[in-house]
Amino acid sequence: MERLRYDEDKAFWLADDASTIARIVRTVPAERLRATKFDEWTAVEIIGHVADAAEIFADRVQRCIDEDRPAVASYDQDAVAKERRNNERDPMELSRRLSAAHSRIVQLLQRPGAAVRPGTHSDWGEVDAGHFAAYQADHSHGHTGELAKAFPPSF
């Protein structure tokens, strides 16, 4: 896998996506979010999926900073979603989790040299904390863009 680079744009994506999801869960009724499907997942399940991934990737960034070349295993996103039963969760709670995890990633990577701290992923090989953060930023941004189109702001 090509190593991704974490930069100021990725940090803004993490913050902006958390804000967009917060706006959506505050302005769209939970019943509508649970009823709106995107392929096989509902809007609430997508929000939960992004929140789950954000926490997992924040932990990966933290491990790269705290540990010497930590070994990180891939995870089964469908199994995590099923286990956490995200469609039954409170969208506001999912939004808060997402915001906290994205904020944590940005804060961790403000430390000099933090982004280049290495780790080894079971599928990707050697990557660094910045790669994990950039991957989550790209991943979140894709899902958030899809949700933002479905639930645009009302003026």
Protein backbone atom coordinates (compact mmCIF):
# COMPACT_ATOMS: atom_id res chain seq x y z
CA MET A 1 0.00 0.00 0.00
CA GLU A 2 1.17 3.50 -0.81
CA ARG A 3 2.09 5.40 2.33
CA LEU A 4 -0.32 8.26 2.89
CA ARG A 5 0.85 11.63 4.16
CA TYR A 6 -0.78 13.49 7.01
CA ASP A 7 -0.81 17.25 6.58
CA GLU A 8 -2.84 20.32 7.49
CA ASP A 9 -5.51 19.48 4.90
CA LYS A 10 -6.09 16.06 6.48
CA ALA A 11 -6.35 17.70 9.91
CA PHE A 12 -9.01 20.07 8.55
CA TRP A 13 -10.90 17.16 6.98
CA LEU A 14 -11.00 15.39 10.35
CA ALA A 15 -12.36 18.51 12.07
CA ASP A 16 -14.76 19.42 9.26
CA ASP A 17 -16.17 15.91 8.94
CA ALA A 18 -16.87 15.76 12.68
CA SER A 19 -18.65 19.12 12.41
CA THR A 20 -20.68 18.00 9.39
CA ILE A 21 -21.81 14.83 11.16
CA ALA A 22 -22.69 16.90 14.25
CA ARG A 23 -24.83 19.18 12.07
CA ILE A 24 -26.57 16.22 10.46
CA VAL A 25 -27.45 14.48 13.73
CA ARG A 26 -28.70 17.77 15.21
CA THR A 27 -30.92 18.68 12.26
CA VAL A 28 -32.18 15.34 10.90
CA PRO A 29 -34.53 13.23 13.04
CA ALA A 30 -33.00 9.95 14.22
CA GLU A 31 -35.89 8.01 12.68
CA ARG A 32 -35.05 9.44 9.24
CA LEU A 33 -31.35 8.62 9.70
CA ARG A 34 -32.29 5.05 10.64
CA ALA A 35 -34.63 4.73 7.64
CA THR A 36 -32.33 6.20 4.96
CA LYS A 37 -30.29 3.43 3.33
CA PHE A 38 -27.03 3.66 1.39
CA ASP A 39 -26.63 0.25 -0.22
CA GLU A 40 -26.77 -2.10 2.78
CA TRP A 41 -26.19 0.36 5.65
CA THR A 42 -28.42 3.09 7.05
CA ALA A 43 -27.18 6.62 7.67
CA VAL A 44 -26.90 5.87 11.40
CA GLU A 45 -24.90 2.71 10.66
CA ILE A 46 -22.53 4.73 8.46
CA ILE A 47 -22.10 7.34 11.20
CA GLY A 48 -21.43 4.53 13.67
CA HIS A 49 -18.98 2.90 11.27
CA VAL A 50 -17.05 6.15 10.87
CA ALA A 51 -17.05 6.66 14.67
CA ASP A 52 -15.83 3.09 15.24
CA ALA A 53 -13.06 3.52 12.66
CA ALA A 54 -12.08 6.90 14.13
CA GLU A 55 -11.57 5.35 17.56
CA ILE A 56 -9.62 2.44 16.12
CA PHE A 57 -7.38 4.75 14.09
CA ALA A 58 -6.91 7.17 17.00
CA ASP A 59 -5.71 4.20 19.06
CA ARG A 60 -3.33 3.22 16.24
CA VAL A 61 -1.89 6.73 16.11
CA GLN A 62 -1.51 6.67 19.91
CA ARG A 63 0.24 3.30 19.81
CA CYS A 64 2.70 4.49 17.17
CA ILE A 65 3.57 7.43 19.38
CA ASP A 66 3.74 5.50 22.67
CA GLU A 67 5.27 2.22 21.52
CA ASP A 68 8.32 1.22 19.53
CA ARG A 69 7.04 -0.07 16.15
CA PRO A 70 3.76 -1.57 17.36
CA ALA A 71 2.21 -4.43 15.40
CA VAL A 72 -1.32 -3.51 14.35
CA ALA A 73 -3.82 -6.05 13.01
CA SER A 74 -6.52 -5.29 10.48
CA TYR A 75 -10.12 -5.38 11.70
CA ASP A 76 -13.39 -6.63 10.24
CA GLN A 77 -15.58 -3.52 9.90
CA ASP A 78 -18.76 -5.55 9.37
CA ALA A 79 -18.14 -7.59 12.52
CA VAL A 80 -17.52 -4.43 14.56
CA ALA A 81 -20.69 -2.81 13.19
CA LYS A 82 -22.76 -5.89 13.91
CA GLU A 83 -21.34 -6.24 17.42
CA ARG A 84 -22.02 -2.59 18.28
CA ARG A 85 -25.49 -2.57 16.67
CA ASN A 86 -24.97 0.99 15.50
CA ASN A 87 -28.43 1.46 13.96
CA GLU A 88 -29.90 1.17 17.45
CA ARG A 89 -27.47 3.73 18.91
CA ASP A 90 -28.16 7.38 19.58
CA PRO A 91 -26.85 9.36 16.57
CA MET A 92 -25.78 12.20 18.90
CA GLU A 93 -23.66 9.79 20.95
CA LEU A 94 -22.04 8.46 17.76
CA SER A 95 -21.31 12.03 16.67
CA ARG A 96 -19.67 12.82 20.02
CA ARG A 97 -17.50 9.70 19.76
CA LEU A 98 -16.45 10.69 16.24
CA SER A 99 -15.63 14.23 17.28
CA ALA A 100 -13.57 13.07 20.27
CA ALA A 101 -11.58 10.55 18.21
CA HIS A 102 -10.88 12.97 15.36
CA SER A 103 -9.84 15.66 17.85
CA ARG A 104 -7.55 13.16 19.56
CA ILE A 105 -5.84 12.30 16.26
CA VAL A 106 -5.23 15.98 15.45
CA GLN A 107 -3.93 16.72 18.95
CA LEU A 108 -1.60 13.72 18.98
CA LEU A 109 -0.06 14.67 15.66
CA GLN A 110 0.66 18.25 16.67
CA ARG A 111 3.67 16.97 18.60
CA PRO A 112 6.91 17.36 16.61
CA GLY A 113 7.92 14.09 14.97
CA ALA A 114 4.70 12.28 15.94
CA ALA A 115 3.49 11.70 12.38
CA VAL A 116 6.61 9.76 11.40
CA ARG A 117 6.52 7.33 14.33
CA PRO A 118 6.43 3.86 12.68
CA GLY A 119 4.16 0.90 13.15
CA THR A 120 3.60 -2.34 11.24
CA HIS A 121 0.16 -3.17 9.90
CA SER A 122 -0.73 -6.82 9.22
CA ASP A 123 -1.85 -6.05 5.65
CA TRP A 124 -0.06 -2.80 4.80
CA GLY A 125 3.40 -3.48 6.20
CA GLU A 126 5.42 -0.64 7.70
CA VAL A 127 3.50 2.62 7.88
CA ASP A 128 3.54 5.49 10.36
CA ALA A 129 1.18 7.40 12.64
CA GLY A 130 0.60 9.97 9.90
CA HIS A 131 -0.48 7.23 7.50
CA PHE A 132 -3.08 5.95 9.96
CA ALA A 133 -4.40 9.49 10.47
CA ALA A 134 -4.48 10.26 6.74
CA TYR A 135 -6.25 6.98 6.04
CA GLN A 136 -8.97 7.83 8.58
CA ALA A 137 -9.27 11.36 7.16
CA ASP A 138 -9.78 9.99 3.63
CA HIS A 139 -12.14 7.27 4.83
CA SER A 140 -14.23 9.64 6.92
CA HIS A 141 -14.32 12.26 4.18
CA GLY A 142 -15.76 9.81 1.67
CA HIS A 143 -18.58 8.73 3.96
CA THR A 144 -19.25 12.24 5.26
CA GLY A 145 -19.52 13.60 1.72
CA GLU A 146 -22.10 10.94 0.90
CA LEU A 147 -24.12 11.80 4.01
CA ALA A 148 -23.81 15.56 3.43
CA LYS A 149 -25.30 15.18 -0.08
CA ALA A 150 -28.24 13.20 1.31
CA PHE A 151 -28.81 15.61 4.21
CA PRO A 152 -27.81 19.12 3.04
CA PRO A 153 -28.08 22.08 5.39
CA SER A 154 -31.37 23.92 5.35
CA PHE A 155 -31.20 27.67 5.33
